Amino acid sequence: MEISLPTTVQFEVYIDPDRCGNSCVCIDLCSMGVFEKKDGSVYPWNSHLCCSCFKCNEFCPHHAISTRWILRA
Protein backbone atom coordinates (compact mmCIF):
# COMPACT_ATOMS: atom_id res chain seq x y z
CA MET A 1 0.00 0.00 0.00
CA GLU A 2 1.46 3.33 -1.04
CA ILE A 3 1.03 6.30 1.28
CA SER A 4 1.25 9.79 -0.18
CA LEU A 5 0.56 13.34 0.91
CA PRO A 6 -3.10 14.37 0.79
CA THR A 7 -4.38 16.58 -1.99
CA THR A 8 -4.76 20.15 -0.75
CA VAL A 9 -6.25 23.30 -2.12
CA GLN A 10 -4.35 26.47 -1.39
CA PHE A 11 -5.02 30.09 -2.08
CA GLU A 12 -2.49 32.47 -3.61
CA VAL A 13 -2.50 36.26 -3.81
CA TYR A 14 -0.70 37.91 -6.73
CA ILE A 15 0.11 41.58 -7.35
CA ASP A 16 0.83 42.68 -10.91
CA PRO A 17 3.91 44.92 -10.50
CA ASP A 18 3.17 46.74 -13.76
CA ARG A 19 -0.25 47.86 -12.54
CA CYS A 20 0.50 48.43 -8.84
CA GLY A 21 0.78 52.09 -7.92
CA ASN A 22 1.99 51.32 -4.37
CA SER A 23 -1.00 53.10 -2.86
CA CYS A 24 -0.85 50.63 0.06
CA VAL A 25 -4.64 50.37 0.30
CA CYS A 26 -4.24 46.59 0.48
CA ILE A 27 -1.96 46.88 3.51
CA ASP A 28 -4.51 49.04 5.33
CA LEU A 29 -7.49 46.83 4.41
CA CYS A 30 -6.01 43.41 5.08
CA SER A 31 -6.72 42.32 8.64
CA MET A 32 -4.71 39.13 8.13
CA GLY A 33 -1.39 40.87 7.41
CA VAL A 34 -0.90 39.36 3.96
CA PHE A 35 0.76 42.44 2.43
CA GLU A 36 4.01 44.17 3.31
CA LYS A 37 5.88 47.06 1.76
CA LYS A 38 9.58 46.42 1.14
CA ASP A 39 12.01 48.33 -1.02
CA GLY A 40 9.25 50.73 -2.10
CA SER A 41 6.95 47.99 -3.47
CA VAL A 42 4.01 46.09 -2.00
CA TYR A 43 4.22 42.29 -1.94
CA PRO A 44 1.91 39.53 -0.62
CA TRP A 45 4.65 38.04 1.58
CA ASN A 46 2.18 36.20 3.79
CA SER A 47 -0.14 34.86 1.10
CA HIS A 48 -0.70 31.71 3.17
CA LEU A 49 -2.58 33.81 5.77
CA CYS A 50 -5.24 34.96 3.29
CA CYS A 51 -8.82 34.27 4.45
CA SER A 52 -10.38 34.88 0.99
CA CYS A 53 -12.36 37.99 1.90
CA PHE A 54 -11.36 39.60 -1.45
CA LYS A 55 -11.29 43.14 0.03
CA CYS A 56 -7.86 43.75 -1.48
CA ASN A 57 -9.09 42.74 -4.92
CA GLU A 58 -12.25 44.83 -4.66
CA PHE A 59 -10.74 48.06 -3.32
CA CYS A 60 -7.36 48.22 -5.09
CA PRO A 61 -7.53 51.49 -7.06
CA HIS A 62 -5.21 50.10 -9.74
CA HIS A 63 -6.89 46.65 -10.00
CA ALA A 64 -3.45 45.08 -9.60
CA ILE A 65 -4.39 42.30 -7.17
CA SER A 66 -5.67 38.92 -8.24
CA THR A 67 -6.34 35.80 -6.27
CA ARG A 68 -6.24 32.22 -7.46
CA TRP A 69 -6.79 28.72 -6.20
CA ILE A 70 -3.96 26.21 -6.42
CA LEU A 71 -4.48 22.45 -6.27
CA ARG A 72 -1.57 20.55 -4.78
CA ALA A 73 -1.72 16.87 -5.53
PDB file of N, CA and C in Angstrom:
ATOM      1  N   MET A   1       0.838  -1.178   0.000  1.00  0.00           N
ATOM      2  CA  MET A   1       0.000   0.000   0.000  1.00  0.00           C
ATOM      3  C   MET A   1       0.881   1.239   0.000  1.00  0.00           C
ATOM      4  N   GLU A   2       0.654   2.117  -0.932  1.00  0.00           N
ATOM      5  CA  GLU A   2       1.459   3.333  -1.041  1.00  0.00           C
ATOM      6  C   GLU A   2       0.780   4.470  -0.291  1.00  0.00           C
ATOM      7  N   ILE A   3       1.550   5.162   0.514  1.00  0.00           N
ATOM      8  CA  ILE A   3       1.032   6.297   1.277  1.00  0.00           C
ATOM      9  C   ILE A   3       1.630   7.571   0.680  1.00  0.00           C
ATOM     10  N   SER A   4       0.767   8.526   0.390  1.00  0.00           N
ATOM     11  CA  SER A   4       1.249   9.793  -0.178  1.00  0.00           C
ATOM     12  C   SER A   4       0.610  10.955   0.565  1.00  0.00           C
ATOM     13  N   LEU A   5       1.104  12.134   0.300  1.00  0.00           N
ATOM     14  CA  LEU A   5       0.556  13.336   0.913  1.00  0.00           C
ATOM     15  C   LEU A   5      -0.859  13.577   0.406  1.00  0.00           C
ATOM     16  N   PRO A   6      -1.731  14.110   1.238  1.00  0.00           N
ATOM     17  CA  PRO A   6      -3.097  14.366   0.794  1.00  0.00           C
ATOM     18  C   PRO A   6      -3.143  15.516  -0.213  1.00  0.00           C
ATOM     19  N   THR A   7      -4.163  15.495  -1.043  1.00  0.00           N
ATOM     20  CA  THR A   7      -4.384  16.581  -1.986  1.00  0.00           C
ATOM     21  C   THR A   7      -4.896  17.787  -1.211  1.00  0.00           C
ATOM     22  N   THR A   8      -4.327  18.937  -1.452  1.00  0.00           N
ATOM     23  CA  THR A   8      -4.757  20.145  -0.750  1.00  0.00           C
ATOM     24  C   THR A   8      -5.061  21.248  -1.752  1.00  0.00           C
ATOM     25  N   VAL A   9      -5.925  22.124  -1.324  1.00  0.00           N
ATOM     26  CA  VAL A   9      -6.253  23.302  -2.120  1.00  0.00           C
ATOM     27  C   VAL A   9      -5.723  24.498  -1.357  1.00  0.00           C
ATOM     28  N   GLN A  10      -4.918  25.289  -2.022  1.00  0.00           N
ATOM     29  CA  GLN A  10      -4.347  26.469  -1.391  1.00  0.00           C
ATOM     30  C   GLN A  10      -4.783  27.712  -2.150  1.00  0.00           C
ATOM     31  N   PHE A  11      -4.618  28.826  -1.519  1.00  0.00           N
ATOM     32  CA  PHE A  11      -5.024  30.091  -2.077  1.00  0.00           C
ATOM     33  C   PHE A  11      -3.786  30.967  -2.239  1.00  0.00           C
ATOM     34  N   GLU A  12      -3.653  31.638  -3.359  1.00  0.00           N
ATOM     35  CA  GLU A  12      -2.487  32.474  -3.609  1.00  0.00           C
ATOM     36  C   GLU A  12      -2.932  33.878  -4.009  1.00  0.00           C
ATOM     37  N   VAL A  13      -2.236  34.861  -3.486  1.00  0.00           N
ATOM     38  CA  VAL A  13      -2.498  36.256  -3.814  1.00  0.00           C
ATOM     39  C   VAL A  13      -1.355  36.744  -4.697  1.00  0.00           C
ATOM     40  N   TYR A  14      -1.703  37.430  -5.782  1.00  0.00           N
ATOM     41  CA  TYR A  14      -0.700  37.907  -6.728  1.00  0.00           C
ATOM     42  C   TYR A  14      -0.914  39.395  -6.982  1.00  0.00           C
ATOM     43  N   ILE A  15       0.167  40.164  -7.003  1.00  0.00           N
ATOM     44  CA  ILE A  15       0.114  41.583  -7.347  1.00  0.00           C
ATOM     45  C   ILE A  15       0.874  41.787  -8.647  1.00  0.00           C
ATOM     46  N   ASP A  16       0.205  42.369  -9.623  1.00  0.00           N
ATOM     47  CA  ASP A  16       0.831  42.680 -10.906  1.00  0.00           C
ATOM     48  C   ASP A  16       1.704  43.919 -10.713  1.00  0.00           C
ATOM     49  N   PRO A  17       3.022  43.776 -10.767  1.00  0.00           N
ATOM     50  CA  PRO A  17       3.908  44.916 -10.498  1.00  0.00           C
ATOM     51  C   PRO A  17       3.782  46.036 -11.530  1.00  0.00           C
ATOM     52  N   ASP A  18       3.332  45.710 -12.733  1.00  0.00           N
ATOM     53  CA  ASP A  18       3.169  46.743 -13.762  1.00  0.00           C
ATOM     54  C   ASP A  18       1.951  47.626 -13.508  1.00  0.00           C
ATOM     55  N   ARG A  19       0.977  47.109 -12.808  1.00  0.00           N
ATOM     56  CA  ARG A  19      -0.254  47.860 -12.539  1.00  0.00           C
ATOM     57  C   ARG A  19      -0.258  48.508 -11.161  1.00  0.00           C
ATOM     58  N   CYS A  20       0.508  47.952 -10.221  1.00  0.00           N
ATOM     59  CA  CYS A  20       0.500  48.431  -8.839  1.00  0.00           C
ATOM     60  C   CYS A  20       1.072  49.842  -8.750  1.00  0.00           C
ATOM     61  N   GLY A  21       0.327  50.722  -8.119  1.00  0.00           N
ATOM     62  CA  GLY A  21       0.784  52.094  -7.924  1.00  0.00           C
ATOM     63  C   GLY A  21       1.324  52.337  -6.532  1.00  0.00           C
ATOM     64  N   ASN A  22       1.490  51.254  -5.748  1.00  0.00           N
ATOM     65  CA  ASN A  22       1.995  51.325  -4.372  1.00  0.00           C
ATOM     66  C   ASN A  22       1.191  52.278  -3.500  1.00  0.00           C
ATOM     67  N   SER A  23      -0.134  52.253  -3.671  1.00  0.00           N
ATOM     68  CA  SER A  23      -1.000  53.101  -2.856  1.00  0.00           C
ATOM     69  C   SER A  23      -1.157  52.546  -1.443  1.00  0.00           C
ATOM     70  N   CYS A  24      -0.828  51.303  -1.238  1.00  0.00           N
ATOM     71  CA  CYS A  24      -0.850  50.627   0.060  1.00  0.00           C
ATOM     72  C   CYS A  24      -2.251  50.470   0.643  1.00  0.00           C
ATOM     73  N   VAL A  25      -3.282  50.590  -0.171  1.00  0.00           N
ATOM     74  CA  VAL A  25      -4.644  50.371   0.304  1.00  0.00           C
ATOM     75  C   VAL A  25      -4.785  48.932   0.788  1.00  0.00           C
ATOM     76  N   CYS A  26      -4.159  48.007   0.104  1.00  0.00           N
ATOM     77  CA  CYS A  26      -4.239  46.587   0.477  1.00  0.00           C
ATOM     78  C   CYS A  26      -3.647  46.341   1.867  1.00  0.00           C
ATOM     79  N   ILE A  27      -2.583  47.037   2.189  1.00  0.00           N
ATOM     80  CA  ILE A  27      -1.962  46.880   3.507  1.00  0.00           C
ATOM     81  C   ILE A  27      -2.914  47.356   4.590  1.00  0.00           C
ATOM     82  N   ASP A  28      -3.579  48.483   4.346  1.00  0.00           N
ATOM     83  CA  ASP A  28      -4.506  49.044   5.330  1.00  0.00           C
ATOM     84  C   ASP A  28      -5.776  48.200   5.474  1.00  0.00           C
ATOM     85  N   LEU A  29      -6.250  47.607   4.383  1.00  0.00           N
ATOM     86  CA  LEU A  29      -7.490  46.833   4.408  1.00  0.00           C
ATOM     87  C   LEU A  29      -7.331  45.427   4.955  1.00  0.00           C
ATOM     88  N   CYS A  30      -6.188  44.823   4.747  1.00  0.00           N
ATOM     89  CA  CYS A  30      -6.007  43.415   5.081  1.00  0.00           C
ATOM     90  C   CYS A  30      -5.819  43.211   6.585  1.00  0.00           C
ATOM     91  N   SER A  31      -6.804  42.587   7.201  1.00  0.00           N
ATOM     92  CA  SER A  31      -6.720  42.324   8.641  1.00  0.00           C
ATOM     93  C   SER A  31      -5.861  41.102   8.958  1.00  0.00           C
ATOM     94  N   MET A  32      -5.504  40.333   7.934  1.00  0.00           N
ATOM     95  CA  MET A  32      -4.706  39.127   8.133  1.00  0.00           C
ATOM     96  C   MET A  32      -3.202  39.381   7.991  1.00  0.00           C
ATOM     97  N   GLY A  33      -2.811  40.551   7.538  1.00  0.00           N
ATOM     98  CA  GLY A  33      -1.386  40.869   7.406  1.00  0.00           C
ATOM     99  C   GLY A  33      -0.711  40.198   6.230  1.00  0.00           C
ATOM    100  N   VAL A  34      -1.448  40.022   5.140  1.00  0.00           N
ATOM    101  CA  VAL A  34      -0.902  39.362   3.961  1.00  0.00           C
ATOM    102  C   VAL A  34       0.135  40.228   3.259  1.00  0.00           C
ATOM    103  N   PHE A  35      -0.085  41.533   3.226  1.00  0.00           N
ATOM    104  CA  PHE A  35       0.755  42.436   2.428  1.00  0.00           C
ATOM    105  C   PHE A  35       1.772  43.177   3.277  1.00  0.00           C
ATOM    106  N   GLU A  36       2.944  43.389   2.679  1.00  0.00           N
ATOM    107  CA  GLU A  36       4.005  44.173   3.309  1.00  0.00           C
ATOM    108  C   GLU A  36       4.672  45.033   2.248  1.00  0.00           C
ATOM    109  N   LYS A  37       5.165  46.183   2.678  1.00  0.00           N
ATOM    110  CA  LYS A  37       5.882  47.057   1.756  1.00  0.00           C
ATOM    111  C   LYS A  37       7.371  46.941   2.049  1.00  0.00           C
ATOM    112  N   LYS A  38       8.122  46.547   1.021  1.00  0.00           N
ATOM    113  CA  LYS A  38       9.577  46.419   1.143  1.00  0.00           C
ATOM    114  C   LYS A  38      10.219  46.993  -0.106  1.00  0.00           C
ATOM    115  N   ASP A  39      11.253  47.730   0.083  1.00  0.00           N
ATOM    116  CA  ASP A  39      12.009  48.335  -1.021  1.00  0.00           C
ATOM    117  C   ASP A  39      11.112  49.182  -1.930  1.00  0.00           C
ATOM    118  N   GLY A  40      10.112  49.836  -1.343  1.00  0.00           N
ATOM    119  CA  GLY A  40       9.246  50.729  -2.104  1.00  0.00           C
ATOM    120  C   GLY A  40       8.134  50.053  -2.877  1.00  0.00           C
ATOM    121  N   SER A  41       7.991  48.732  -2.752  1.00  0.00           N
ATOM    122  CA  SER A  41       6.945  47.993  -3.468  1.00  0.00           C
ATOM    123  C   SER A  41       6.137  47.153  -2.484  1.00  0.00           C
ATOM    124  N   VAL A  42       4.885  46.910  -2.832  1.00  0.00           N
ATOM    125  CA  VAL A  42       4.008  46.090  -2.002  1.00  0.00           C
ATOM    126  C   VAL A  42       4.037  44.660  -2.517  1.00  0.00           C
ATOM    127  N   TYR A  43       4.176  43.706  -1.585  1.00  0.00           N
ATOM    128  CA  TYR A  43       4.223  42.291  -1.936  1.00  0.00           C
ATOM    129  C   TYR A  43       3.306  41.496  -1.010  1.00  0.00           C
ATOM    130  N   PRO A  44       2.701  40.414  -1.494  1.00  0.00           N
ATOM    131  CA  PRO A  44       1.912  39.534  -0.618  1.00  0.00           C
ATOM    132  C   PRO A  44       2.806  38.490   0.055  1.00  0.00           C
ATOM    133  N   TRP A  45       3.662  38.924   0.958  1.00  0.00           N
ATOM    134  CA  TRP A  45       4.648  38.043   1.576  1.00  0.00           C
ATOM    135  C   TRP A  45       4.005  36.922   2.376  1.00  0.00           C
ATOM    136  N   ASN A  46       2.844  37.193   2.947  1.00  0.00           N
ATOM    137  CA  ASN A  46       2.183  36.197   3.795  1.00  0.00           C
ATOM    138  C   ASN A  46       0.910  35.685   3.129  1.00  0.00           C
ATOM    139  N   SER A  47       1.014  35.311   1.883  1.00  0.00           N
ATOM    140  CA  SER A  47      -0.135  34.857   1.101  1.00  0.00           C
ATOM    141  C   SER A  47      -0.847  33.680   1.763  1.00  0.00           C
ATOM    142  N   HIS A  48      -0.117  32.872   2.502  1.00  0.00           N
ATOM    143  CA  HIS A  48      -0.703  31.705   3.170  1.00  0.00           C
ATOM    144  C   HIS A  48      -1.686  32.087   4.276  1.00  0.00           C
ATOM    145  N   LEU A  49      -1.674  33.347   4.718  1.00  0.00           N
ATOM    146  CA  LEU A  49      -2.580  33.808   5.765  1.00  0.00           C
ATOM    147  C   LEU A  49      -3.913  34.318   5.225  1.00  0.00           C
ATOM    148  N   CYS A  50      -4.041  34.404   3.920  1.00  0.00           N
ATOM    149  CA  CYS A  50      -5.239  34.961   3.289  1.00  0.00           C
ATOM    150  C   CYS A  50      -6.492  34.173   3.686  1.00  0.00           C
ATOM    151  N   CYS A  51      -7.557  34.910   4.048  1.00  0.00           N
ATOM    152  CA  CYS A  51      -8.817  34.271   4.447  1.00  0.00           C
ATOM    153  C   CYS A  51      -9.876  34.370   3.349  1.00  0.00           C
ATOM    154  N   SER A  52      -9.494  34.816   2.164  1.00  0.00           N
ATOM    155  CA  SER A  52     -10.377  34.881   0.992  1.00  0.00           C
ATOM    156  C   SER A  52     -11.540  35.855   1.152  1.00  0.00           C
ATOM    157  N   CYS A  53     -11.296  36.990   1.770  1.00  0.00           N
ATOM    158  CA  CYS A  53     -12.362  37.990   1.899  1.00  0.00           C
ATOM    159  C   CYS A  53     -12.473  38.855   0.640  1.00  0.00           C
ATOM    160  N   PHE A  54     -11.421  38.887  -0.177  1.00  0.00           N
ATOM    161  CA  PHE A  54     -11.356  39.601  -1.453  1.00  0.00           C
ATOM    162  C   PHE A  54     -11.461  41.124  -1.324  1.00  0.00           C
ATOM    163  N   LYS A  55     -11.262  41.686  -0.130  1.00  0.00           N
ATOM    164  CA  LYS A  55     -11.285  43.141   0.035  1.00  0.00           C
ATOM    165  C   LYS A  55     -10.161  43.797  -0.757  1.00  0.00           C
ATOM    166  N   CYS A  56      -9.006  43.179  -0.760  1.00  0.00           N
ATOM    167  CA  CYS A  56      -7.862  43.751  -1.479  1.00  0.00           C
ATOM    168  C   CYS A  56      -8.160  43.834  -2.971  1.00  0.00           C
ATOM    169  N   ASN A  57      -8.754  42.793  -3.498  1.00  0.00           N
ATOM    170  CA  ASN A  57      -9.087  42.738  -4.920  1.00  0.00           C
ATOM    171  C   ASN A  57     -10.151  43.771  -5.269  1.00  0.00           C
ATOM    172  N   GLU A  58     -11.118  43.930  -4.398  1.00  0.00           N
ATOM    173  CA  GLU A  58     -12.245  44.825  -4.655  1.00  0.00           C
ATOM    174  C   GLU A  58     -11.868  46.303  -4.552  1.00  0.00           C
ATOM    175  N   PHE A  59     -11.017  46.653  -3.595  1.00  0.00           N
ATOM    176  CA  PHE A  59     -10.740  48.058  -3.324  1.00  0.00           C
ATOM    177  C   PHE A  59      -9.410  48.580  -3.849  1.00  0.00           C
ATOM    178  N   CYS A  60      -8.622  47.749  -4.511  1.00  0.00           N
ATOM    179  CA  CYS A  60      -7.363  48.223  -5.086  1.00  0.00           C
ATOM    180  C   CYS A  60      -7.681  49.240  -6.187  1.00  0.00           C
ATOM    181  N   PRO A  61      -7.204  50.478  -6.064  1.00  0.00           N
ATOM    182  CA  PRO A  61      -7.535  51.493  -7.062  1.00  0.00           C
ATOM    183  C   PRO A  61      -6.915  51.226  -8.437  1.00  0.00           C
ATOM    184  N   HIS A  62      -5.901  50.389  -8.480  1.00  0.00           N
ATOM    185  CA  HIS A  62      -5.215  50.099  -9.739  1.00  0.00           C
ATOM    186  C   HIS A  62      -5.600  48.730 -10.313  1.00  0.00           C
ATOM    187  N   HIS A  63      -6.453  47.996  -9.592  1.00  0.00           N
ATOM    188  CA  HIS A  63      -6.888  46.653 -10.002  1.00  0.00           C
ATOM    189  C   HIS A  63      -5.683  45.755 -10.298  1.00  0.00           C
ATOM    190  N   ALA A  64      -4.700  45.823  -9.411  1.00  0.00           N
ATOM    191  CA  ALA A  64      -3.455  45.082  -9.598  1.00  0.00           C
ATOM    192  C   ALA A  64      -3.430  43.752  -8.856  1.00  0.00           C
ATOM    193  N   ILE A  65      -4.417  43.493  -8.005  1.00  0.00           N
ATOM    194  CA  ILE A  65      -4.393  42.297  -7.166  1.00  0.00           C
ATOM    195  C   ILE A  65      -5.337  41.245  -7.724  1.00  0.00           C
ATOM    196  N   SER A  66      -4.829  40.044  -7.837  1.00  0.00           N
ATOM    197  CA  SER A  66      -5.673  38.923  -8.238  1.00  0.00           C
ATOM    198  C   SER A  66      -5.436  37.778  -7.266  1.00  0.00           C
ATOM    199  N   THR A  67      -6.420  36.951  -7.150  1.00  0.00           N
ATOM    200  CA  THR A  67      -6.340  35.799  -6.270  1.00  0.00           C
ATOM    201  C   THR A  67      -6.634  34.550  -7.082  1.00  0.00           C
ATOM    202  N   ARG A  68      -6.014  33.453  -6.700  1.00  0.00           N
ATOM    203  CA  ARG A  68      -6.237  32.224  -7.457  1.00  0.00           C
ATOM    204  C   ARG A  68      -6.102  31.009  -6.536  1.00  0.00           C
ATOM    205  N   TRP A  69      -6.847  29.981  -6.907  1.00  0.00           N
ATOM    206  CA  TRP A  69      -6.793  28.716  -6.195  1.00  0.00           C
ATOM    207  C   TRP A  69      -5.703  27.839  -6.809  1.00  0.00           C
ATOM    208  N   ILE A  70      -5.016  27.106  -5.966  1.00  0.00           N
ATOM    209  CA  ILE A  70      -3.960  26.209  -6.416  1.00  0.00           C
ATOM    210  C   ILE A  70      -4.233  24.829  -5.839  1.00  0.00           C
ATOM    211  N   LEU A  71      -4.265  23.837  -6.703  1.00  0.00           N
ATOM    212  CA  LEU A  71      -4.479  22.453  -6.270  1.00  0.00           C
ATOM    213  C   LEU A  71      -3.127  21.765  -6.165  1.00  0.00           C
ATOM    214  N   ARG A  72      -2.806  21.295  -4.981  1.00  0.00           N
ATOM    215  CA  ARG A  72      -1.565  20.553  -4.776  1.00  0.00           C
ATOM    216  C   ARG A  72      -1.905  19.074  -4.636  1.00  0.00           C
ATOM    217  N   ALA A  73      -1.412  18.302  -5.573  1.00  0.00           N
ATOM    218  CA  ALA A  73      -1.717  16.871  -5.531  1.00  0.00           C
ATOM    219  C   ALA A  73      -0.461  16.067  -5.268  1.00  0.00           C
TER     220      ALA A  73
END
